[in-house]
Amino acid sequence: MNVRRIAAVAGKEWKETVRNRLFLLMAFVLPSLWMVVFGFGLVFDVEHVPFAVLDRDQSSLSRDYVYRFIESRYFDYRGSINDEREIDRMLGDTAIRMVVVIPERFEEQLLAGRTVTVQTLLDGTFPLHADTTKGYVIAVNHSFTQELLTDFLARTRGLAPADARRLAEPVSLETRYLYNEEVRSTWSMVPALIMFSLMVASPLLTALGVVREKETGSIYNIYSATVSKAEFLIGKLAPYFAISMINVALLWMIAVGFFRVPFKGSLTVFFAASLLFVLCSTGIGLIISLLVRTQMAALIITIIIAMVPTMVFSGFFTPVSSLSPGAQVQAHLFPAMYYTDVVRMSFLKRLDLTIMWMDMLALTGFAVALPLVAYGLFTKRPKA
């Protein structure tokens, strides 16, 4: 294997990339653009739910109850409703997502120690959104009920507030979130977007770069040259590998600096895993380029092969453990799942190589196998 011939092929490929401004823009800007756009767009936090209130009691206690929702960051108060017939219209045109209906004699019944039923109407168009909102409503009701019960016990039994609180709630539940302490979906999604950007951009650039040789006819120069198959493939991959590794650094800086996602793990492990994953993704692009003859075909096939499994089987949206048994088997056949685990654990869990060695081993296997498959498919003879 001649290093000078590899450098010549790589230098030619780099000049082709730099000469084409659109291709250069796609190489360096597209992954970062995806990161920013999807980082802002793929936010699953349920906050600022617009709601209105139909208060039939109009008492100080009913207003106190409503203020529990108004003061919460999870709800946005949009005013009161005077006529019950307005509810369907407001929920129908999505002006609000929730309505709280407080019955008459709300305060009177509570002060008398009797149970009161408050109706909450939720827009169920988005089930996960509605279910999360329901949890918020239950939490607000629980807090309000506990305070009322504590005050009632303190007033009727002459207890101190602390004793009344212990009697009202003998079992206290304290919840702590580990790793993602603020329970922000951004902290989970942005690291996974590094995987997504690399998994789509790297094979796409590689596939288009190689197929371009076929469309222009310059591939025949390679067929007639003394450069070997390995020298040609390594030289072809080198520029795209370098571009992808630069993008890894840029995406990491965007995640940490722009989105403020904490990075708790080892940079060495993260970049080692990224290097292996880039070898996998560029290897996929190289295989695609050897199977098609036009850039349009390479574009379509790369998007289908890279994007669809990445979205479904990598743990990007849902944990792989929650998929069906068949889907879990398919997930283990793609390198994206292993890299997603490493990236998320590196950012949020401060885990080291002793924990993530299985994922790293799997990535190493893909990084070796995919280029070898490409080497086996490539021939220096033009197809008829």
Protein backbone atom coordinates (compact mmCIF):
# COMPACT_ATOMS: atom_id res chain seq x y z
CA MET A 1 0.00 0.00 0.00
CA ASN A 2 1.50 3.30 -1.14
CA VAL A 3 0.90 6.28 1.14
CA ARG A 4 1.67 8.76 -1.63
CA ARG A 5 -1.03 7.31 -3.88
CA ILE A 6 -3.53 7.41 -1.00
CA ALA A 7 -2.61 11.06 -0.36
CA ALA A 8 -3.03 11.83 -4.06
CA VAL A 9 -6.55 10.33 -4.12
CA ALA A 10 -7.46 12.09 -0.87
CA GLY A 11 -6.06 15.41 -2.13
CA LYS A 12 -8.04 15.15 -5.36
CA GLU A 13 -11.22 14.36 -3.43
CA TRP A 14 -10.64 17.29 -1.06
CA LYS A 15 -10.17 19.69 -3.98
CA GLU A 16 -13.39 18.43 -5.54
CA THR A 17 -15.20 19.04 -2.26
CA VAL A 18 -13.79 22.55 -1.76
CA ARG A 19 -14.44 23.52 -5.38
CA ASN A 20 -18.15 22.75 -5.11
CA ARG A 21 -19.55 25.43 -2.79
CA LEU A 22 -22.92 23.71 -2.39
CA PHE A 23 -21.24 20.44 -1.45
CA LEU A 24 -18.90 22.24 0.96
CA LEU A 25 -21.85 24.05 2.54
CA MET A 26 -23.68 20.75 2.94
CA ALA A 27 -20.60 19.14 4.46
CA PHE A 28 -20.02 21.66 7.23
CA VAL A 29 -23.28 23.57 7.70
CA LEU A 30 -25.96 20.91 7.30
CA PRO A 31 -25.12 18.83 10.42
CA SER A 32 -24.93 21.94 12.64
CA LEU A 33 -28.13 23.29 11.10
CA TRP A 34 -29.94 20.02 11.82
CA MET A 35 -28.65 20.16 15.38
CA VAL A 36 -30.00 23.67 15.98
CA VAL A 37 -33.32 23.22 14.17
CA PHE A 38 -34.19 19.83 15.70
CA GLY A 39 -32.75 20.87 19.06
CA PHE A 40 -35.33 23.63 19.29
CA GLY A 41 -38.09 21.70 17.53
CA LEU A 42 -37.90 18.32 19.28
CA VAL A 43 -38.84 19.52 22.76
CA PHE A 44 -41.22 17.22 24.61
CA ASP A 45 -41.50 19.19 27.83
CA VAL A 46 -45.16 19.91 28.60
CA GLU A 47 -45.22 23.44 29.97
CA HIS A 48 -47.36 26.59 29.68
CA VAL A 49 -50.56 24.65 29.03
CA PRO A 50 -53.24 27.27 28.21
CA PHE A 51 -56.30 26.89 30.40
CA ALA A 52 -59.47 28.71 31.42
CA VAL A 53 -61.69 28.52 34.50
CA LEU A 54 -65.43 28.30 34.97
CA ASP A 55 -65.83 29.29 38.62
CA ARG A 56 -69.43 28.86 39.76
CA ASP A 57 -68.56 29.52 43.41
CA GLN A 58 -66.63 32.80 43.17
CA SER A 59 -65.33 32.40 46.72
CA SER A 60 -61.96 33.17 48.24
CA LEU A 61 -61.15 29.46 48.51
CA SER A 62 -62.04 28.80 44.86
CA ARG A 63 -59.80 31.70 43.82
CA ASP A 64 -57.01 30.25 45.96
CA TYR A 65 -57.47 26.94 44.19
CA VAL A 66 -57.25 28.60 40.77
CA TYR A 67 -54.11 30.48 41.78
CA ARG A 68 -52.37 27.14 42.34
CA PHE A 69 -52.60 26.63 38.58
CA ILE A 70 -51.83 30.23 37.66
CA GLU A 71 -48.63 30.30 39.73
CA SER A 72 -47.35 27.05 38.22
CA ARG A 73 -44.96 27.23 35.26
CA TYR A 74 -46.83 24.33 33.73
CA PHE A 75 -50.00 26.35 33.07
CA ASP A 76 -50.90 29.62 31.33
CA TYR A 77 -54.08 31.28 32.55
CA ARG A 78 -56.24 32.55 29.66
CA GLY A 79 -59.13 34.00 31.63
CA SER A 80 -62.50 33.01 33.03
CA ILE A 81 -65.48 31.48 31.27
CA ASN A 82 -68.93 32.78 32.15
CA ASP A 83 -71.02 30.52 29.95
CA GLU A 84 -70.61 26.75 29.81
CA ARG A 85 -71.39 26.84 26.11
CA GLU A 86 -68.06 28.60 25.47
CA ILE A 87 -66.08 25.56 26.58
CA ASP A 88 -66.58 23.47 23.43
CA ARG A 89 -65.74 26.41 21.18
CA MET A 90 -62.55 27.32 23.05
CA LEU A 91 -61.33 23.73 23.28
CA GLY A 92 -62.32 23.09 19.68
CA ASP A 93 -60.25 25.90 18.17
CA THR A 94 -57.31 25.09 20.53
CA ALA A 95 -57.45 28.52 22.15
CA ILE A 96 -57.07 26.53 25.36
CA ARG A 97 -56.08 22.97 26.20
CA MET A 98 -57.79 22.63 29.56
CA VAL A 99 -60.81 23.92 31.44
CA VAL A 100 -61.26 23.76 35.23
CA VAL A 101 -64.91 23.78 36.33
CA ILE A 102 -65.40 24.65 40.02
CA PRO A 103 -68.89 23.79 41.35
CA GLU A 104 -71.17 25.95 43.46
CA ARG A 105 -70.75 25.84 47.26
CA PHE A 106 -67.10 24.83 46.77
CA GLU A 107 -65.87 26.74 49.82
CA GLU A 108 -68.87 25.87 51.97
CA GLN A 109 -68.52 22.15 51.36
CA LEU A 110 -64.76 22.11 51.99
CA LEU A 111 -64.98 24.10 55.21
CA ALA A 112 -67.62 21.66 56.40
CA GLY A 113 -65.20 18.79 55.82
CA ARG A 114 -67.11 17.30 52.91
CA THR A 115 -65.76 16.06 49.59
CA VAL A 116 -66.04 18.32 46.56
CA THR A 117 -65.66 17.23 42.95
CA VAL A 118 -63.88 19.61 40.57
CA GLN A 119 -64.23 18.85 36.88
CA THR A 120 -61.20 19.14 34.59
CA LEU A 121 -61.70 18.96 30.83
CA LEU A 122 -58.58 18.18 28.78
CA ASP A 123 -57.97 18.34 25.05
CA GLY A 124 -57.05 14.74 24.21
CA THR A 125 -55.87 15.43 20.64
CA PHE A 126 -52.32 14.63 21.71
CA PRO A 127 -52.61 11.71 24.18
CA LEU A 128 -49.11 11.97 25.67
CA HIS A 129 -49.51 15.71 26.15
CA ALA A 130 -52.93 15.23 27.76
CA ASP A 131 -51.70 12.43 30.02
CA THR A 132 -48.81 14.57 31.26
CA THR A 133 -51.16 17.49 31.88
CA LYS A 134 -53.42 15.16 33.84
CA GLY A 135 -50.46 14.33 36.09
CA TYR A 136 -49.89 18.05 36.72
CA VAL A 137 -53.56 18.52 37.65
CA ILE A 138 -53.42 15.57 40.05
CA ALA A 139 -50.31 17.03 41.70
CA VAL A 140 -51.94 20.45 42.15
CA ASN A 141 -55.08 18.85 43.59
CA HIS A 142 -53.04 16.68 45.95
CA SER A 143 -51.10 19.67 47.27
CA PHE A 144 -54.26 21.72 47.75
CA THR A 145 -56.07 18.82 49.45
CA GLN A 146 -53.17 18.17 51.84
CA GLU A 147 -53.10 21.80 52.92
CA LEU A 148 -56.85 21.85 53.50
CA LEU A 149 -56.70 18.63 55.49
CA THR A 150 -53.78 19.90 57.55
CA ASP A 151 -55.63 23.14 58.37
CA PHE A 152 -58.80 21.19 59.20
CA LEU A 153 -56.98 18.86 61.61
CA ALA A 154 -55.09 21.72 63.23
CA ARG A 155 -58.30 23.71 63.69
CA THR A 156 -60.57 20.91 64.93
CA ARG A 157 -58.08 18.99 67.09
CA GLY A 158 -55.94 21.83 68.31
CA LEU A 159 -52.77 20.37 66.84
CA ALA A 160 -49.62 22.21 65.85
CA PRO A 161 -49.24 22.63 62.07
CA ALA A 162 -46.31 20.17 61.94
CA ASP A 163 -48.25 17.50 63.88
CA ALA A 164 -51.33 18.05 61.75
CA ARG A 165 -49.20 17.67 58.60
CA ARG A 166 -47.75 14.38 59.83
CA LEU A 167 -51.23 13.11 60.66
CA ALA A 168 -52.63 14.18 57.28
CA GLU A 169 -49.77 12.58 55.37
CA PRO A 170 -48.25 9.71 57.36
CA VAL A 171 -46.31 8.46 54.32
CA SER A 172 -44.36 11.18 52.54
CA LEU A 173 -43.10 10.57 49.02
CA GLU A 174 -39.93 12.36 47.99
CA THR A 175 -38.92 12.01 44.33
CA ARG A 176 -35.42 12.71 43.07
CA TYR A 177 -34.41 12.65 39.41
CA LEU A 178 -30.90 11.42 38.74
CA TYR A 179 -28.64 12.38 35.82
CA ASN A 180 -31.22 14.75 34.28
CA GLU A 181 -32.10 16.59 37.45
CA GLU A 182 -34.29 19.22 35.78
CA VAL A 183 -36.08 16.59 33.66
CA ARG A 184 -35.43 18.53 30.46
CA SER A 185 -36.11 16.74 27.21
CA THR A 186 -33.43 18.90 25.58
CA TRP A 187 -30.74 17.27 27.72
CA SER A 188 -31.79 13.87 26.35
CA MET A 189 -32.54 14.82 22.74
CA VAL A 190 -29.56 17.05 21.90
CA PRO A 191 -26.90 14.35 22.56
CA ALA A 192 -28.92 11.96 20.40
CA LEU A 193 -29.00 14.60 17.67
CA ILE A 194 -25.22 14.29 17.39
CA MET A 195 -25.79 10.68 16.40
CA PHE A 196 -28.62 11.61 14.02
CA SER A 197 -26.63 14.35 12.26
CA LEU A 198 -23.60 12.10 11.76
CA MET A 199 -25.68 9.11 10.70
CA VAL A 200 -27.35 11.08 7.91
CA ALA A 201 -24.67 13.55 6.83
CA SER A 202 -21.60 11.28 6.78
CA PRO A 203 -22.97 8.50 4.51
CA LEU A 204 -24.69 11.08 2.34
CA LEU A 205 -21.47 12.99 1.69
CA THR A 206 -19.50 9.81 1.06
CA ALA A 207 -22.09 8.32 -1.28
CA LEU A 208 -22.48 11.49 -3.33
CA GLY A 209 -18.73 12.01 -3.52
CA VAL A 210 -18.03 8.56 -4.95
CA VAL A 211 -21.04 8.43 -7.26
CA ARG A 212 -20.01 11.81 -8.66
CA GLU A 213 -16.97 10.03 -10.13
CA LYS A 214 -19.30 7.68 -12.00
CA GLU A 215 -21.53 10.43 -13.36
CA THR A 216 -18.64 12.56 -14.60
CA GLY A 217 -16.79 9.57 -15.99
CA SER A 218 -13.62 10.27 -13.99
CA ILE A 219 -13.97 6.85 -12.36
CA TYR A 220 -12.40 5.40 -15.53
CA ASN A 221 -9.16 7.17 -14.65
CA ILE A 222 -9.11 5.13 -11.46
CA TYR A 223 -9.82 1.93 -13.36
CA SER A 224 -6.78 2.51 -15.57
CA ALA A 225 -4.48 3.87 -12.83
CA THR A 226 -1.98 1.84 -10.83
CA VAL A 227 -3.72 2.73 -7.57
CA SER A 228 -5.05 -0.36 -5.79
CA LYS A 229 -8.57 -0.92 -4.49
CA ALA A 230 -7.55 -0.33 -0.88
CA GLU A 231 -5.60 2.82 -1.76
CA PHE A 232 -8.55 4.22 -3.70
CA LEU A 233 -11.11 3.47 -0.99
CA ILE A 234 -8.95 4.82 1.84
CA GLY A 235 -8.14 7.94 -0.15
CA LYS A 236 -11.82 8.45 -0.96
CA LEU A 237 -12.90 8.01 2.65
CA ALA A 238 -10.18 10.14 4.24
CA PRO A 239 -11.61 13.60 3.40
CA TYR A 240 -15.13 12.66 4.47
CA PHE A 241 -13.81 11.04 7.61
CA ALA A 242 -11.93 14.26 8.44
CA ILE A 243 -15.02 16.40 7.69
CA SER A 244 -17.17 14.18 9.92
CA MET A 245 -14.71 14.37 12.82
CA ILE A 246 -14.67 18.17 12.51
CA ASN A 247 -18.46 18.04 12.65
CA VAL A 248 -18.26 15.90 15.80
CA ALA A 249 -16.31 18.68 17.52
CA LEU A 250 -18.71 21.35 16.22
CA LEU A 251 -21.79 19.39 17.32
CA TRP A 252 -20.28 18.80 20.77
CA MET A 253 -19.62 22.53 21.16
CA ILE A 254 -23.18 23.37 20.08
CA ALA A 255 -24.62 20.88 22.58
CA VAL A 256 -22.51 22.12 25.48
CA GLY A 257 -22.19 25.82 24.65
CA PHE A 258 -25.46 26.64 22.90
CA PHE A 259 -27.97 24.22 24.44
CA ARG A 260 -26.19 24.10 27.82
CA VAL A 261 -26.34 20.31 28.04
CA PRO A 262 -23.94 19.18 30.80
CA PHE A 263 -21.10 16.92 29.72
CA LYS A 264 -20.16 14.68 32.65
CA GLY A 265 -18.21 11.88 31.00
CA SER A 266 -14.85 11.34 29.38
CA LEU A 267 -13.97 13.32 26.25
CA THR A 268 -11.54 10.57 25.28
CA VAL A 269 -14.24 7.90 25.30
CA PHE A 270 -16.71 10.20 23.54
CA PHE A 271 -14.36 11.04 20.67
CA ALA A 272 -13.14 7.45 20.42
CA ALA A 273 -16.73 6.27 20.04
CA SER A 274 -17.37 9.09 17.55
CA LEU A 275 -14.36 8.01 15.51
CA LEU A 276 -15.68 4.45 15.33
CA PHE A 277 -19.18 5.64 14.48
CA VAL A 278 -17.88 7.90 11.70
CA LEU A 279 -16.07 4.89 10.23
CA CYS A 280 -19.39 3.02 10.36
CA SER A 281 -21.43 5.82 8.76
CA THR A 282 -18.90 6.60 6.01
CA GLY A 283 -18.64 2.85 5.39
CA ILE A 284 -22.41 2.73 4.84
CA GLY A 285 -22.15 5.62 2.39
CA LEU A 286 -19.33 3.89 0.55
CA ILE A 287 -21.33 0.67 0.19
CA ILE A 288 -24.32 2.62 -1.16
CA SER A 289 -22.10 4.45 -3.66
CA LEU A 290 -20.81 1.16 -5.03
CA LEU A 291 -24.34 -0.13 -5.63
CA VAL A 292 -25.83 2.85 -7.51
CA ARG A 293 -24.82 4.93 -10.51
CA THR A 294 -26.50 8.32 -10.03
CA GLN A 295 -26.33 10.90 -7.26
CA MET A 296 -30.12 11.08 -7.07
CA ALA A 297 -30.33 7.34 -6.43
CA ALA A 298 -27.55 7.65 -3.84
CA LEU A 299 -29.42 10.49 -2.14
CA ILE A 300 -32.73 8.60 -1.93
CA ILE A 301 -31.24 5.30 -0.81
CA THR A 302 -29.01 6.95 1.80
CA ILE A 303 -31.92 8.82 3.33
CA ILE A 304 -34.02 5.64 3.47
CA ILE A 305 -31.27 3.41 4.85
CA ALA A 306 -29.74 5.94 7.24
CA MET A 307 -32.70 8.01 8.43
CA VAL A 308 -35.51 5.49 8.94
CA PRO A 309 -33.61 2.97 11.13
CA THR A 310 -31.98 5.86 12.97
CA MET A 311 -35.33 7.35 13.92
CA VAL A 312 -36.99 4.05 14.83
CA PHE A 313 -34.37 1.66 16.20
CA SER A 314 -31.64 3.80 17.79
CA GLY A 315 -33.43 4.85 20.97
CA PHE A 316 -33.68 8.35 19.55
CA PHE A 317 -37.30 8.88 20.65
CA THR A 318 -38.06 5.87 22.83
CA PRO A 319 -35.78 3.49 24.75
CA VAL A 320 -34.90 0.33 22.83
CA SER A 321 -36.05 -1.70 25.84
CA SER A 322 -39.63 -0.49 25.27
CA LEU A 323 -39.70 -1.75 21.67
CA SER A 324 -41.18 -5.10 20.67
CA PRO A 325 -38.84 -8.13 20.79
CA GLY A 326 -38.54 -8.15 17.00
CA ALA A 327 -37.76 -4.44 16.89
CA GLN A 328 -35.11 -4.87 19.59
CA VAL A 329 -33.37 -7.48 17.44
CA GLN A 330 -33.39 -5.07 14.49
CA ALA A 331 -32.06 -2.26 16.70
CA HIS A 332 -28.98 -4.33 17.55
CA LEU A 333 -28.21 -4.69 13.83
CA PHE A 334 -27.55 -0.95 13.43
CA PRO A 335 -24.56 0.94 14.89
CA ALA A 336 -26.74 3.95 15.74
CA MET A 337 -28.16 2.28 18.86
CA TYR A 338 -24.72 1.66 20.38
CA TYR A 339 -23.48 5.16 19.64
CA THR A 340 -26.64 6.72 21.06
CA ASP A 341 -26.06 4.86 24.33
CA VAL A 342 -22.44 6.04 24.52
CA VAL A 343 -23.31 9.66 23.72
CA ARG A 344 -26.15 9.93 26.22
CA MET A 345 -24.18 8.19 28.96
CA SER A 346 -21.15 10.39 28.27
CA PHE A 347 -23.20 13.56 28.54
CA LEU A 348 -25.48 12.71 31.45
CA LYS A 349 -24.18 9.76 33.48
CA ARG A 350 -20.40 10.17 33.79
CA LEU A 351 -19.86 6.50 32.90
CA ASP A 352 -16.44 5.29 31.80
CA LEU A 353 -15.16 2.64 29.43
CA THR A 354 -15.57 -0.16 31.98
CA ILE A 355 -19.34 0.30 31.73
CA MET A 356 -19.62 1.10 28.01
CA TRP A 357 -17.17 -1.47 26.66
CA MET A 358 -19.90 -3.59 25.08
CA ASP A 359 -21.15 -0.64 23.02
CA MET A 360 -17.59 0.27 22.06
CA LEU A 361 -16.89 -3.33 21.05
CA ALA A 362 -20.01 -3.41 18.87
CA LEU A 363 -19.02 -0.11 17.21
CA THR A 364 -15.55 -1.51 16.57
CA GLY A 365 -17.08 -4.55 14.89
CA PHE A 366 -19.22 -2.40 12.60
CA ALA A 367 -16.29 -0.05 11.89
CA VAL A 368 -14.22 -3.01 10.67
CA ALA A 369 -16.96 -4.96 8.89
CA LEU A 370 -18.56 -2.19 6.82
CA PRO A 371 -15.34 -1.01 5.09
CA LEU A 372 -14.45 -4.65 4.45
CA VAL A 373 -17.82 -5.18 2.76
CA ALA A 374 -17.17 -2.08 0.63
CA TYR A 375 -13.73 -3.44 -0.28
CA GLY A 376 -15.30 -6.71 -1.38
CA LEU A 377 -17.92 -4.95 -3.51
CA PHE A 378 -15.50 -2.60 -5.27
CA THR A 379 -13.92 -3.72 -8.50
CA LYS A 380 -11.57 -1.88 -10.83
CA ARG A 381 -13.46 -3.14 -13.83
CA PRO A 382 -16.25 -1.03 -15.35
CA LYS A 383 -19.66 -2.62 -15.28
CA ALA A 384 -21.31 -3.28 -18.60
